[in-house]
Amino acid sequence: MSRYRKIDIRIWGDEKFLGLSPPQPCGQFLWLWILSNKFTTIIPGLFEAGPAAMAECLRWPKKDFDKAFQEVLAIGLAKADPIAHLVWVPKAIEYNKPASAKVVTGWGVTWDELPECALKAEAWNVLEKNLIGYSKAYHEAFLAACRKPIIKPLPYQEQEQEQEQEQEKTFMVVKADPRSQLDRDIDEVMIYLNEQTHRTGAAMFTSSAGLRERLKDGATVDDCRLVIDCKHVQWDNEEMRPYLRPKTLFRPQNFPGYLAEARAWDARGRPRNGGRPQAATGSGEDYSSCVKGGDDD
């Protein structure tokens, strides 16, 4: 009897499934999600997704996701590159043998789209080793479709690495962040806001209008992230999406009400469907009242 069962990845967006009571953040559920989430590709065990994107899909607070993810990484079930946003399940190929060499040939486009990094090179080595064991046809198809990443540091990086290695022979080098804790907190919130709103490059928010003052007033990084999460759900429509910006979120007239609203939303289990958080100054559907009163350009 087969020891494996198929799961349609569309289950994570199924209306009935979403209507069930949501799971609390934990390592066991995260592991099952990693094996079958919507980011997974035709290449067993390899997919591209950053921590913020994964936490959002699971509807977990980022700090709770990080804790559960660390459980999975700590025992080697998965590996991740935090810069390239590549996730790899090393043993996936052992349990998901491709049906034919032709299937392996089909990996090519997906492989080229995955970010180049040392973890991708490590995955290539493991995939090749397994495919050699299947047959010559599998191996040749893999070599033809999936180019082995060549991860070489630039010349100046090699020099820096040699200098660091020489220093580490005699003493530990501890590089302190010269910025204040307030500046580091501002950076953390702004990075999170840009990730949640999928802004990159020139489109990224750079002005932290109002944020510094809210943090000085006593708001925490977690408070700001909670407000971002709540408004990201509440304002998920064409009319309100432009207001997901520092100027609106951290304005002194807005933030206290947004925070109270976000805490109530969080206490209700962060509903996304059939339970939108109420607007701070209006009923559930007219969200425009949330940003009126002093938010003009």
Protein backbone atom coordinates (compact mmCIF):
# COMPACT_ATOMS: atom_id res chain seq x y z
CA MET A 1 0.00 0.00 0.00
CA SER A 2 1.27 3.47 -0.84
CA ARG A 3 2.67 5.37 2.14
CA TYR A 4 2.01 8.80 0.62
CA ARG A 5 -1.06 10.97 0.11
CA LYS A 6 -1.62 13.83 -2.34
CA ILE A 7 -2.76 17.26 -1.16
CA ASP A 8 -4.03 19.87 -3.63
CA ILE A 9 -2.20 23.12 -2.84
CA ARG A 10 -5.45 24.99 -3.53
CA ILE A 11 -6.65 23.81 -0.13
CA TRP A 12 -4.96 26.86 1.43
CA GLY A 13 -7.35 29.16 -0.45
CA ASP A 14 -10.45 26.97 -0.27
CA GLU A 15 -13.47 28.75 1.20
CA LYS A 16 -14.55 25.84 3.41
CA PHE A 17 -11.01 25.24 4.65
CA LEU A 18 -10.60 28.94 5.49
CA GLY A 19 -13.85 28.79 7.40
CA LEU A 20 -12.39 26.27 9.85
CA SER A 21 -10.83 27.48 13.09
CA PRO A 22 -7.31 28.74 12.28
CA PRO A 23 -4.22 27.00 13.69
CA GLN A 24 -2.07 28.64 16.32
CA PRO A 25 1.52 29.26 15.20
CA CYS A 26 3.58 26.12 15.76
CA GLY A 27 6.39 24.17 14.13
CA GLN A 28 4.32 21.10 13.24
CA PHE A 29 1.67 22.98 11.24
CA LEU A 30 4.31 25.14 9.56
CA TRP A 31 6.13 22.01 8.40
CA LEU A 32 2.97 20.63 6.76
CA TRP A 33 2.40 24.03 5.13
CA ILE A 34 5.97 24.16 3.80
CA LEU A 35 5.41 20.81 2.07
CA SER A 36 2.25 21.89 0.26
CA ASN A 37 2.00 25.70 0.10
CA LYS A 38 1.19 27.73 -3.00
CA PHE A 39 4.83 28.80 -3.47
CA THR A 40 5.99 25.21 -4.05
CA THR A 41 7.24 24.41 -7.55
CA ILE A 42 7.60 21.36 -9.78
CA ILE A 43 11.13 20.94 -8.41
CA PRO A 44 10.77 18.91 -5.21
CA GLY A 45 11.53 20.94 -2.11
CA LEU A 46 12.55 24.25 -3.72
CA PHE A 47 10.55 27.45 -3.70
CA GLU A 48 11.03 31.19 -3.40
CA ALA A 49 9.31 33.06 -0.56
CA GLY A 50 10.40 35.51 2.11
CA PRO A 51 9.48 35.25 5.80
CA ALA A 52 7.00 38.14 5.62
CA ALA A 53 5.18 36.63 2.63
CA MET A 54 4.95 33.23 4.31
CA ALA A 55 3.72 34.74 7.58
CA GLU A 56 1.07 36.68 5.67
CA CYS A 57 -0.18 33.57 3.88
CA LEU A 58 -0.51 31.78 7.20
CA ARG A 59 -2.08 34.87 8.81
CA TRP A 60 0.36 34.65 11.67
CA PRO A 61 2.14 37.56 13.36
CA LYS A 62 5.65 37.81 11.94
CA LYS A 63 7.32 37.20 15.31
CA ASP A 64 5.26 34.01 15.85
CA PHE A 65 6.10 32.80 12.34
CA ASP A 66 9.80 33.43 12.95
CA LYS A 67 9.70 31.34 16.12
CA ALA A 68 7.97 28.40 14.40
CA PHE A 69 10.22 28.67 11.34
CA GLN A 70 13.28 28.54 13.55
CA GLU A 71 12.00 25.24 15.00
CA VAL A 72 11.87 23.76 11.51
CA LEU A 73 15.28 25.11 10.52
CA ALA A 74 16.96 24.09 13.78
CA ILE A 75 16.39 20.37 13.22
CA GLY A 76 17.29 20.49 9.53
CA LEU A 77 13.88 19.77 8.04
CA ALA A 78 14.30 22.81 5.82
CA LYS A 79 16.94 25.37 4.95
CA ALA A 80 16.48 28.99 3.94
CA ASP A 81 18.46 31.88 2.53
CA PRO A 82 17.12 35.07 4.20
CA ILE A 83 18.56 37.32 1.48
CA ALA A 84 17.59 35.39 -1.65
CA HIS A 85 14.29 34.24 -0.04
CA LEU A 86 14.94 30.67 -1.17
CA VAL A 87 13.55 27.77 0.87
CA TRP A 88 14.71 24.20 0.42
CA VAL A 89 13.54 20.88 1.85
CA PRO A 90 16.60 18.61 1.47
CA LYS A 91 14.77 15.28 1.64
CA ALA A 92 11.89 16.25 -0.66
CA ILE A 93 13.50 14.60 -3.70
CA GLU A 94 13.67 11.29 -1.80
CA TYR A 95 9.89 11.24 -1.39
CA ASN A 96 8.92 12.86 -4.70
CA LYS A 97 10.72 10.99 -7.46
CA PRO A 98 9.91 12.58 -10.84
CA ALA A 99 7.76 10.34 -13.02
CA SER A 100 10.17 10.42 -15.96
CA ALA A 101 13.25 12.09 -17.40
CA LYS A 102 10.88 14.28 -19.42
CA VAL A 103 9.50 15.69 -16.17
CA VAL A 104 13.04 16.60 -15.11
CA THR A 105 13.54 18.39 -18.43
CA GLY A 106 10.48 20.45 -17.53
CA TRP A 107 12.24 21.76 -14.43
CA GLY A 108 14.40 24.06 -16.55
CA VAL A 109 12.27 27.22 -16.64
CA THR A 110 11.47 27.05 -12.93
CA TRP A 111 15.12 26.43 -12.07
CA ASP A 112 16.26 29.49 -14.01
CA GLU A 113 13.71 31.66 -12.18
CA LEU A 114 14.90 30.65 -8.71
CA PRO A 115 17.38 33.15 -7.20
CA GLU A 116 21.09 32.39 -7.45
CA CYS A 117 22.67 31.76 -4.06
CA ALA A 118 24.81 29.25 -2.17
CA LEU A 119 21.70 27.38 -1.01
CA LYS A 120 20.62 26.83 -4.63
CA ALA A 121 24.07 25.39 -5.38
CA GLU A 122 23.74 23.08 -2.38
CA ALA A 123 20.32 21.95 -3.58
CA TRP A 124 21.75 21.27 -7.06
CA ASN A 125 24.33 18.89 -5.60
CA VAL A 126 21.70 16.92 -3.68
CA LEU A 127 19.32 16.76 -6.64
CA GLU A 128 22.10 15.55 -8.95
CA LYS A 129 23.18 12.85 -6.50
CA ASN A 130 19.64 11.49 -6.27
CA LEU A 131 18.97 11.62 -10.01
CA ILE A 132 22.21 9.75 -10.77
CA GLY A 133 20.82 6.98 -8.63
CA TYR A 134 17.61 6.80 -10.67
CA SER A 135 19.07 6.36 -14.15
CA LYS A 136 21.40 7.84 -16.74
CA ALA A 137 18.43 9.40 -18.56
CA TYR A 138 17.29 11.24 -15.42
CA HIS A 139 20.80 12.51 -14.77
CA GLU A 140 21.37 13.73 -18.33
CA ALA A 141 18.00 15.47 -18.37
CA PHE A 142 18.88 17.27 -15.14
CA LEU A 143 22.28 18.42 -16.39
CA ALA A 144 20.72 19.73 -19.59
CA ALA A 145 17.82 21.54 -17.92
CA CYS A 146 19.35 22.87 -14.70
CA ARG A 147 22.62 24.76 -14.85
CA LYS A 148 24.77 24.36 -11.76
CA PRO A 149 25.02 27.73 -9.97
CA ILE A 150 28.53 29.12 -9.76
CA ILE A 151 28.63 31.21 -6.62
CA LYS A 152 31.90 33.14 -6.65
CA PRO A 153 32.50 36.20 -4.45
CA LEU A 154 33.65 39.34 -6.18
CA PRO A 155 37.39 40.18 -5.84
CA TYR A 156 36.84 42.74 -3.10
CA GLN A 157 34.65 40.27 -1.22
CA GLU A 158 37.40 37.66 -1.33
CA GLN A 159 39.84 40.18 0.13
CA GLU A 160 37.40 41.08 2.91
CA GLN A 161 36.80 37.40 3.69
CA GLU A 162 40.56 36.78 3.96
CA GLN A 163 40.94 39.74 6.32
CA GLU A 164 38.05 38.58 8.50
CA GLN A 165 39.40 35.04 8.65
CA GLU A 166 42.81 36.39 9.71
CA GLN A 167 41.21 38.47 12.46
CA GLU A 168 39.19 35.54 13.74
CA LYS A 169 42.38 33.55 14.31
CA THR A 170 43.35 35.89 17.16
CA PHE A 171 40.14 37.42 18.49
CA MET A 172 36.39 37.66 18.00
CA VAL A 173 35.27 40.71 16.05
CA VAL A 174 32.06 42.25 17.30
CA LYS A 175 30.67 44.96 15.07
CA ALA A 176 28.26 47.19 16.94
CA ASP A 177 25.49 48.95 15.11
CA PRO A 178 26.33 52.65 15.51
CA ARG A 179 22.71 53.73 15.09
CA SER A 180 20.35 54.34 17.99
CA GLN A 181 17.73 51.77 18.96
CA LEU A 182 15.08 54.21 17.70
CA ASP A 183 16.66 54.30 14.23
CA ARG A 184 16.88 50.50 14.16
CA ASP A 185 13.20 50.25 15.16
CA ILE A 186 12.23 52.69 12.39
CA ASP A 187 14.13 50.61 9.84
CA GLU A 188 12.45 47.41 11.04
CA VAL A 189 8.95 48.88 10.69
CA MET A 190 9.68 50.44 7.29
CA ILE A 191 11.13 47.19 5.93
CA TYR A 192 8.04 45.36 7.14
CA LEU A 193 5.68 47.90 5.56
CA ASN A 194 7.48 47.67 2.21
CA GLU A 195 7.37 43.87 2.35
CA GLN A 196 3.67 43.80 3.19
CA THR A 197 2.79 46.23 0.40
CA HIS A 198 5.14 44.44 -2.06
CA ARG A 199 7.14 47.59 -2.78
CA THR A 200 10.61 47.25 -4.25
CA GLY A 201 13.20 49.51 -5.82
CA ALA A 202 12.12 53.07 -6.53
CA ALA A 203 8.57 52.33 -5.34
CA MET A 204 9.70 51.62 -1.76
CA PHE A 205 8.62 53.95 1.02
CA THR A 206 11.66 55.90 2.25
CA SER A 207 10.01 58.65 4.28
CA SER A 208 8.97 57.45 7.74
CA ALA A 209 6.56 60.36 8.22
CA GLY A 210 5.13 60.25 11.76
CA LEU A 211 6.72 56.93 12.69
CA ARG A 212 9.60 58.39 14.71
CA GLU A 213 7.17 60.42 16.82
CA ARG A 214 4.86 57.45 17.44
CA LEU A 215 7.82 55.36 18.64
CA LYS A 216 9.00 58.23 20.83
CA ASP A 217 5.49 58.45 22.27
CA GLY A 218 5.76 54.84 23.45
CA ALA A 219 4.46 52.75 20.56
CA THR A 220 6.45 49.54 20.00
CA VAL A 221 7.63 47.90 16.80
CA ASP A 222 5.03 45.16 17.40
CA ASP A 223 2.30 47.82 17.74
CA CYS A 224 3.26 49.32 14.38
CA ARG A 225 3.40 45.92 12.69
CA LEU A 226 -0.01 45.04 14.09
CA VAL A 227 -1.51 48.24 12.67
CA ILE A 228 0.08 47.46 9.28
CA ASP A 229 -1.33 43.91 9.35
CA CYS A 230 -4.82 45.10 10.25
CA LYS A 231 -4.97 47.85 7.64
CA HIS A 232 -3.46 45.54 5.03
CA VAL A 233 -6.54 43.35 5.47
CA GLN A 234 -9.09 46.11 5.96
CA TRP A 235 -7.97 48.24 3.06
CA ASP A 236 -7.54 45.42 0.55
CA ASN A 237 -9.41 47.23 -2.22
CA GLU A 238 -8.51 49.61 -5.01
CA GLU A 239 -9.93 52.68 -3.29
CA MET A 240 -8.17 52.30 0.06
CA ARG A 241 -4.92 50.52 -0.86
CA PRO A 242 -3.08 53.83 -1.59
CA TYR A 243 -3.53 54.80 2.07
CA LEU A 244 -1.24 51.98 3.21
CA ARG A 245 1.57 54.48 3.68
CA PRO A 246 3.48 55.98 6.62
CA LYS A 247 1.82 59.37 6.28
CA THR A 248 -1.62 57.86 6.93
CA LEU A 249 -0.79 55.00 9.28
CA PHE A 250 1.37 56.96 11.72
CA ARG A 251 -0.37 60.35 11.70
CA PRO A 252 -1.00 61.37 15.33
CA GLN A 253 -4.73 61.82 14.70
CA ASN A 254 -5.00 58.29 13.22
CA PHE A 255 -2.59 55.96 14.98
CA PRO A 256 -4.21 55.62 18.45
CA GLY A 257 -7.55 54.64 16.90
CA TYR A 258 -5.88 52.31 14.41
CA LEU A 259 -3.94 50.61 17.22
CA ALA A 260 -7.04 50.07 19.36
CA GLU A 261 -8.86 48.69 16.36
CA ALA A 262 -5.95 46.41 15.42
CA ARG A 263 -5.73 44.99 18.93
CA ALA A 264 -9.44 44.15 18.87
CA TRP A 265 -8.98 42.55 15.44
CA ASP A 266 -6.06 40.52 16.73
CA ALA A 267 -8.09 39.36 19.75
CA ARG A 268 -10.82 38.08 17.36
CA GLY A 269 -8.29 35.86 15.61
CA ARG A 270 -7.40 38.26 12.78
CA PRO A 271 -10.44 37.48 10.57
CA ARG A 272 -9.94 37.95 6.86
CA ASN A 273 -13.13 36.62 5.29
CA GLY A 274 -16.60 37.31 6.66
CA GLY A 275 -15.26 39.33 9.54
CA ARG A 276 -13.49 42.44 8.37
CA PRO A 277 -12.31 44.72 11.16
CA GLN A 278 -14.50 47.73 11.69
CA ALA A 279 -13.30 51.12 10.51
CA ALA A 280 -12.14 53.33 13.37
CA THR A 281 -14.74 56.01 12.72
CA GLY A 282 -17.32 54.25 10.62
CA SER A 283 -19.17 51.01 10.03
CA GLY A 284 -17.66 47.94 8.47
CA GLU A 285 -17.94 48.89 4.78
CA ASP A 286 -17.25 52.63 4.52
CA TYR A 287 -13.51 52.67 5.12
CA SER A 288 -12.94 56.09 3.60
CA SER A 289 -13.88 57.74 6.90
CA CYS A 290 -10.72 56.22 8.46
CA VAL A 291 -8.41 58.55 6.58
CA LYS A 292 -10.47 61.73 6.50
CA GLY A 293 -9.61 64.66 8.64
CA GLY A 294 -6.14 65.97 8.12
CA ASP A 295 -4.63 63.52 5.66
CA ASP A 296 -4.57 65.71 2.60
CA ASP A 297 -1.35 66.29 0.69
